[in-house]
Amino acid sequence: MTDEVEDLNEPIGTAELRRLQNKYRKQNIANDRAREQIEEDINNGRYSDEQATEISASFEQSCREILDRIQGEIEAHCRAHNLQTSSSHWTDA
């Protein structure tokens, strides 16, 4: 059993929305940790300037694609259940 149980007083789909929001938040934290490791490797001279630029750009694009996909899931879920879709409600500020 999960802690994401529908509360009968909440709109339908709220528990799933919280699960998706949590998924987004966890991915954002994972991205930040990986970014710190990449920056450390770059700062320690593990890569040439050209490699560092390419690695950083590729990493940021990958992060954005993953977060955009999760954001799309959140927005689709909100539309399907007529829930609030404002990004301020599901991302870390």
C-alpha atoms as a PDB file:
ATOM      1  CA  MET A   1       0.000   0.000   0.000  1.00  0.00           C
ATOM      2  CA  THR A   2       1.232   3.477  -0.791  1.00  0.00           C
ATOM      3  CA  ASP A   3       0.932   6.702   1.142  1.00  0.00           C
ATOM      4  CA  GLU A   4      -0.598   8.286  -1.952  1.00  0.00           C
ATOM      5  CA  VAL A   5      -4.179   7.327  -1.081  1.00  0.00           C
ATOM      6  CA  GLU A   6      -7.084   9.341  -2.473  1.00  0.00           C
ATOM      7  CA  ASP A   7      -8.680  11.484   0.222  1.00  0.00           C
ATOM      8  CA  LEU A   8     -12.428  11.438  -0.290  1.00  0.00           C
ATOM      9  CA  ASN A   9     -12.521  15.178   0.441  1.00  0.00           C
ATOM     10  CA  GLU A  10     -10.004  15.981  -2.328  1.00  0.00           C
ATOM     11  CA  PRO A  11     -10.792  16.240  -6.025  1.00  0.00           C
ATOM     12  CA  ILE A  12     -10.384  12.993  -7.971  1.00  0.00           C
ATOM     13  CA  GLY A  13      -6.829  12.595  -9.224  1.00  0.00           C
ATOM     14  CA  THR A  14      -5.168  14.583  -6.438  1.00  0.00           C
ATOM     15  CA  ALA A  15      -3.121  11.645  -5.103  1.00  0.00           C
ATOM     16  CA  GLU A  16      -1.804  10.874  -8.593  1.00  0.00           C
ATOM     17  CA  LEU A  17      -0.985  14.547  -9.072  1.00  0.00           C
ATOM     18  CA  ARG A  18       1.045  14.486  -5.849  1.00  0.00           C
ATOM     19  CA  ARG A  19       2.855  11.370  -7.076  1.00  0.00           C
ATOM     20  CA  LEU A  20       3.731  13.081 -10.356  1.00  0.00           C
ATOM     21  CA  GLN A  21       4.833  16.235  -8.539  1.00  0.00           C
ATOM     22  CA  ASN A  22       7.056  14.135  -6.307  1.00  0.00           C
ATOM     23  CA  LYS A  23       8.493  12.402  -9.374  1.00  0.00           C
ATOM     24  CA  TYR A  24       9.354  15.818 -10.855  1.00  0.00           C
ATOM     25  CA  ARG A  25      10.906  17.012  -7.592  1.00  0.00           C
ATOM     26  CA  LYS A  26      13.015  13.865  -7.191  1.00  0.00           C
ATOM     27  CA  GLN A  27      14.220  14.080 -10.792  1.00  0.00           C
ATOM     28  CA  ASN A  28      15.165  17.718 -10.285  1.00  0.00           C
ATOM     29  CA  ILE A  29      17.181  16.773  -7.173  1.00  0.00           C
ATOM     30  CA  ALA A  30      18.882  13.925  -9.046  1.00  0.00           C
ATOM     31  CA  ASN A  31      19.743  16.326 -11.872  1.00  0.00           C
ATOM     32  CA  ASP A  32      21.256  18.782  -9.398  1.00  0.00           C
ATOM     33  CA  ARG A  33      23.410  16.082  -7.815  1.00  0.00           C
ATOM     34  CA  ALA A  34      24.606  14.812 -11.180  1.00  0.00           C
ATOM     35  CA  ARG A  35      25.294  18.403 -12.292  1.00  0.00           C
ATOM     36  CA  GLU A  36      27.477  18.945  -9.207  1.00  0.00           C
ATOM     37  CA  GLN A  37      29.471  15.798 -10.030  1.00  0.00           C
ATOM     38  CA  ILE A  38      29.955  16.859 -13.640  1.00  0.00           C
ATOM     39  CA  GLU A  39      31.055  20.341 -12.536  1.00  0.00           C
ATOM     40  CA  GLU A  40      33.511  18.791 -10.089  1.00  0.00           C
ATOM     41  CA  ASP A  41      34.962  16.564 -12.825  1.00  0.00           C
ATOM     42  CA  ILE A  42      35.265  19.554 -15.139  1.00  0.00           C
ATOM     43  CA  ASN A  43      36.873  21.722 -12.460  1.00  0.00           C
ATOM     44  CA  ASN A  44      39.371  18.940 -11.683  1.00  0.00           C
ATOM     45  CA  GLY A  45      40.533  18.985 -15.301  1.00  0.00           C
ATOM     46  CA  ARG A  46      39.137  15.611 -16.238  1.00  0.00           C
ATOM     47  CA  TYR A  47      37.930  16.986 -19.568  1.00  0.00           C
ATOM     48  CA  SER A  48      39.295  19.410 -22.127  1.00  0.00           C
ATOM     49  CA  ASP A  49      37.458  22.720 -22.492  1.00  0.00           C
ATOM     50  CA  GLU A  50      35.792  21.454 -25.660  1.00  0.00           C
ATOM     51  CA  GLN A  51      34.717  18.197 -24.005  1.00  0.00           C
ATOM     52  CA  ALA A  52      33.469  20.060 -20.941  1.00  0.00           C
ATOM     53  CA  THR A  53      31.335  22.355 -23.070  1.00  0.00           C
ATOM     54  CA  GLU A  54      29.868  19.421 -24.993  1.00  0.00           C
ATOM     55  CA  ILE A  55      29.234  17.351 -21.863  1.00  0.00           C
ATOM     56  CA  SER A  56      27.578  20.261 -20.055  1.00  0.00           C
ATOM     57  CA  ALA A  57      25.335  21.136 -22.988  1.00  0.00           C
ATOM     58  CA  SER A  58      24.335  17.507 -23.547  1.00  0.00           C
ATOM     59  CA  PHE A  59      23.627  16.991 -19.857  1.00  0.00           C
ATOM     60  CA  GLU A  60      21.477  20.131 -19.580  1.00  0.00           C
ATOM     61  CA  GLN A  61      19.500  19.161 -22.682  1.00  0.00           C
ATOM     62  CA  SER A  62      18.903  15.678 -21.294  1.00  0.00           C
ATOM     63  CA  CYS A  63      17.770  17.088 -17.945  1.00  0.00           C
ATOM     64  CA  ARG A  64      15.380  19.491 -19.636  1.00  0.00           C
ATOM     65  CA  GLU A  65      13.904  16.735 -21.819  1.00  0.00           C
ATOM     66  CA  ILE A  66      13.235  14.508 -18.795  1.00  0.00           C
ATOM     67  CA  LEU A  67      11.700  17.326 -16.754  1.00  0.00           C
ATOM     68  CA  ASP A  68       9.626  18.493 -19.731  1.00  0.00           C
ATOM     69  CA  ARG A  69       8.266  14.949 -20.172  1.00  0.00           C
ATOM     70  CA  ILE A  70       7.259  14.768 -16.509  1.00  0.00           C
ATOM     71  CA  GLN A  71       5.790  18.276 -16.718  1.00  0.00           C
ATOM     72  CA  GLY A  72       3.742  17.103 -19.696  1.00  0.00           C
ATOM     73  CA  GLU A  73       2.464  14.148 -17.660  1.00  0.00           C
ATOM     74  CA  ILE A  74       1.461  16.520 -14.866  1.00  0.00           C
ATOM     75  CA  GLU A  75      -0.310  18.923 -17.211  1.00  0.00           C
ATOM     76  CA  ALA A  76      -2.138  16.099 -19.016  1.00  0.00           C
ATOM     77  CA  HIS A  77      -3.244  14.634 -15.689  1.00  0.00           C
ATOM     78  CA  CYS A  78      -4.467  18.031 -14.512  1.00  0.00           C
ATOM     79  CA  ARG A  79      -6.435  18.564 -17.727  1.00  0.00           C
ATOM     80  CA  ALA A  80      -7.967  15.083 -17.471  1.00  0.00           C
ATOM     81  CA  HIS A  81      -9.080  15.697 -13.879  1.00  0.00           C
ATOM     82  CA  ASN A  82      -9.719  19.449 -14.096  1.00  0.00           C
ATOM     83  CA  LEU A  83      -7.008  20.187 -11.515  1.00  0.00           C
ATOM     84  CA  GLN A  84      -4.792  23.271 -11.144  1.00  0.00           C
ATOM     85  CA  THR A  85      -1.893  23.185 -13.634  1.00  0.00           C
ATOM     86  CA  SER A  86       0.067  26.211 -12.449  1.00  0.00           C
ATOM     87  CA  SER A  87       3.746  25.265 -12.345  1.00  0.00           C
ATOM     88  CA  SER A  88       4.118  27.033  -9.008  1.00  0.00           C
ATOM     89  CA  HIS A  89       2.050  24.256  -7.498  1.00  0.00           C
ATOM     90  CA  TRP A  90       4.305  21.378  -8.581  1.00  0.00           C
ATOM     91  CA  THR A  91       7.864  22.578  -8.873  1.00  0.00           C
ATOM     92  CA  ASP A  92      10.410  23.698  -6.355  1.00  0.00           C
ATOM     93  CA  ALA A  93      10.826  27.449  -6.496  1.00  0.00           C
END
